[in-house]
Amino acid sequence: MVRAVRQRILIVEDEPLTAIRIEAVIRELGGEVGGPTGNLREALRLAEGGPLDGAVLDVNLHGIPVYSLADRLAFRQIPFAFLTGHADAVPPAHADRPLLLKPFHGPELARVLADTFQLSTAGDTAAAA
């Protein structure tokens, strides 16, 4: 019997309730969660250590932009999506990355996660969140 490999997605978000929502949707879509963390240094460490298939990045962690992490993930060819309350906060070098504006709703989050990380939305309950 062959088991499907679960996508491991790193959550980088400084708002605990938002991180919990993201984690729940990733798990509902069949993914595995790395983190979550709201600390850039910890996020960089997690991004370098162990397997990682993608990341969800809050653009700004307690006033610190995550651009260095985005650059590192792009260099490693690891897909990622941005979360932010300010669309203009995404650096031009990463303007082609998926973007989810805060506040967001469950269906929007599920769609971005499914599209970005090839997670299954078939029969998911995440869209109701």
Protein backbone atom coordinates (compact mmCIF):
# COMPACT_ATOMS: atom_id res chain seq x y z
CA MET A 1 0.00 0.00 0.00
CA VAL A 2 1.44 3.37 -1.06
CA ARG A 3 0.90 6.30 1.29
CA ALA A 4 0.62 9.82 -0.06
CA VAL A 5 3.37 12.16 1.01
CA ARG A 6 1.98 15.06 3.01
CA GLN A 7 3.11 18.56 2.10
CA ARG A 8 4.97 20.21 5.00
CA ILE A 9 4.02 23.90 5.15
CA LEU A 10 5.78 26.39 7.42
CA ILE A 11 3.52 29.00 9.04
CA VAL A 12 5.18 32.35 9.78
CA GLU A 13 2.59 34.55 11.49
CA ASP A 14 2.78 36.78 14.55
CA GLU A 15 -0.96 36.77 15.35
CA PRO A 16 -1.64 33.54 17.30
CA LEU A 17 -5.32 33.26 16.34
CA THR A 18 -4.50 33.73 12.66
CA ALA A 19 -1.75 31.10 12.91
CA ILE A 20 -4.23 28.67 14.50
CA ARG A 21 -6.73 29.26 11.68
CA ILE A 22 -4.06 28.69 9.03
CA GLU A 23 -2.84 25.55 10.78
CA ALA A 24 -6.38 24.13 10.95
CA VAL A 25 -6.99 24.69 7.25
CA ILE A 26 -3.64 23.19 6.23
CA ARG A 27 -4.40 20.07 8.29
CA GLU A 28 -7.95 19.85 6.88
CA LEU A 29 -6.48 19.96 3.38
CA GLY A 30 -4.16 17.07 4.23
CA GLY A 31 -0.98 19.05 4.85
CA GLU A 32 1.53 18.88 7.67
CA VAL A 33 2.44 22.02 9.60
CA GLY A 34 5.88 23.41 10.38
CA GLY A 35 5.96 25.99 13.15
CA PRO A 36 4.02 28.09 13.52
CA THR A 37 6.33 30.89 14.51
CA GLY A 38 6.03 34.65 14.77
CA ASN A 39 9.78 35.20 15.02
CA LEU A 40 11.91 35.83 11.92
CA ARG A 41 15.07 34.24 13.34
CA GLU A 42 13.13 31.08 14.27
CA ALA A 43 11.45 31.07 10.85
CA LEU A 44 14.83 31.21 9.10
CA ARG A 45 16.05 28.33 11.26
CA LEU A 46 12.95 26.25 10.50
CA ALA A 47 13.26 27.03 6.78
CA GLU A 48 16.82 25.68 6.75
CA GLY A 49 16.32 22.64 8.97
CA GLY A 50 14.56 19.59 7.67
CA PRO A 51 12.14 19.03 4.81
CA LEU A 52 9.89 21.88 3.75
CA ASP A 53 7.44 22.00 0.84
CA GLY A 54 6.11 25.52 1.24
CA ALA A 55 5.46 28.44 3.55
CA VAL A 56 2.79 30.95 4.45
CA LEU A 57 4.42 34.26 5.39
CA ASP A 58 2.98 37.24 7.20
CA VAL A 59 4.83 40.10 5.51
CA ASN A 60 5.51 41.89 8.79
CA LEU A 61 6.38 40.18 12.10
CA HIS A 62 6.08 42.66 14.96
CA GLY A 63 7.43 45.42 12.71
CA ILE A 64 10.13 43.28 11.06
CA PRO A 65 9.68 42.50 7.36
CA VAL A 66 10.16 38.87 6.28
CA TYR A 67 11.91 39.75 3.02
CA SER A 68 15.10 37.86 3.89
CA LEU A 69 13.07 34.72 4.52
CA ALA A 70 11.17 35.18 1.25
CA ASP A 71 14.47 35.60 -0.59
CA ARG A 72 15.86 32.44 1.00
CA LEU A 73 12.76 30.39 0.14
CA ALA A 74 12.82 31.68 -3.44
CA PHE A 75 16.51 30.78 -3.74
CA ARG A 76 15.70 27.25 -2.55
CA GLN A 77 12.72 27.12 -4.97
CA ILE A 78 10.26 26.54 -2.13
CA PRO A 79 6.80 27.93 -2.93
CA PHE A 80 5.28 30.44 -0.54
CA ALA A 81 2.33 32.77 -0.18
CA PHE A 82 2.13 36.10 1.61
CA LEU A 83 -0.47 37.22 4.15
CA THR A 84 -0.79 40.92 4.89
CA GLY A 85 -3.17 43.70 5.68
CA HIS A 86 -1.32 45.95 3.21
CA ALA A 87 -1.01 44.79 -0.41
CA ASP A 88 1.73 47.34 -1.06
CA ALA A 89 3.91 45.71 1.63
CA VAL A 90 4.96 42.89 -0.71
CA PRO A 91 8.40 43.63 -2.17
CA PRO A 92 8.56 43.98 -5.97
CA ALA A 93 10.95 41.02 -6.19
CA HIS A 94 8.12 38.79 -4.95
CA ALA A 95 5.11 40.52 -6.51
CA ASP A 96 4.32 37.33 -8.47
CA ARG A 97 3.75 35.30 -5.27
CA PRO A 98 0.23 34.46 -4.10
CA LEU A 99 -1.16 37.10 -1.76
CA LEU A 100 -3.98 36.82 0.74
CA LEU A 101 -5.17 40.08 2.24
CA LYS A 102 -6.14 40.24 5.91
CA PRO A 103 -8.77 39.90 7.11
CA PHE A 104 -9.50 36.80 5.06
CA HIS A 105 -12.24 34.16 5.12
CA GLY A 106 -11.91 30.38 5.25
CA PRO A 107 -12.75 29.77 1.58
CA GLU A 108 -10.15 32.31 0.42
CA LEU A 109 -7.48 30.75 2.64
CA ALA A 110 -8.34 27.21 1.50
CA ARG A 111 -8.18 28.26 -2.18
CA VAL A 112 -4.78 29.97 -1.82
CA LEU A 113 -3.33 27.05 0.15
CA ALA A 114 -4.71 24.44 -2.26
CA ASP A 115 -3.50 26.31 -5.33
CA THR A 116 -0.07 27.23 -3.97
CA PHE A 117 0.81 23.90 -2.37
CA GLN A 118 -1.28 21.43 -4.40
CA LEU A 119 -3.31 20.44 -1.36
CA SER A 120 -6.62 18.68 -1.92
CA THR A 121 -9.85 20.63 -1.59
CA ALA A 122 -12.04 17.67 -2.47
CA GLY A 123 -14.62 17.31 0.26
CA ASP A 124 -12.78 19.69 2.56
CA THR A 125 -14.51 21.43 5.40
CA ALA A 126 -11.96 24.23 5.50
CA ALA A 127 -14.02 26.42 3.23
CA ALA A 128 -16.68 26.65 5.93
CA ALA A 129 -14.23 28.15 8.46
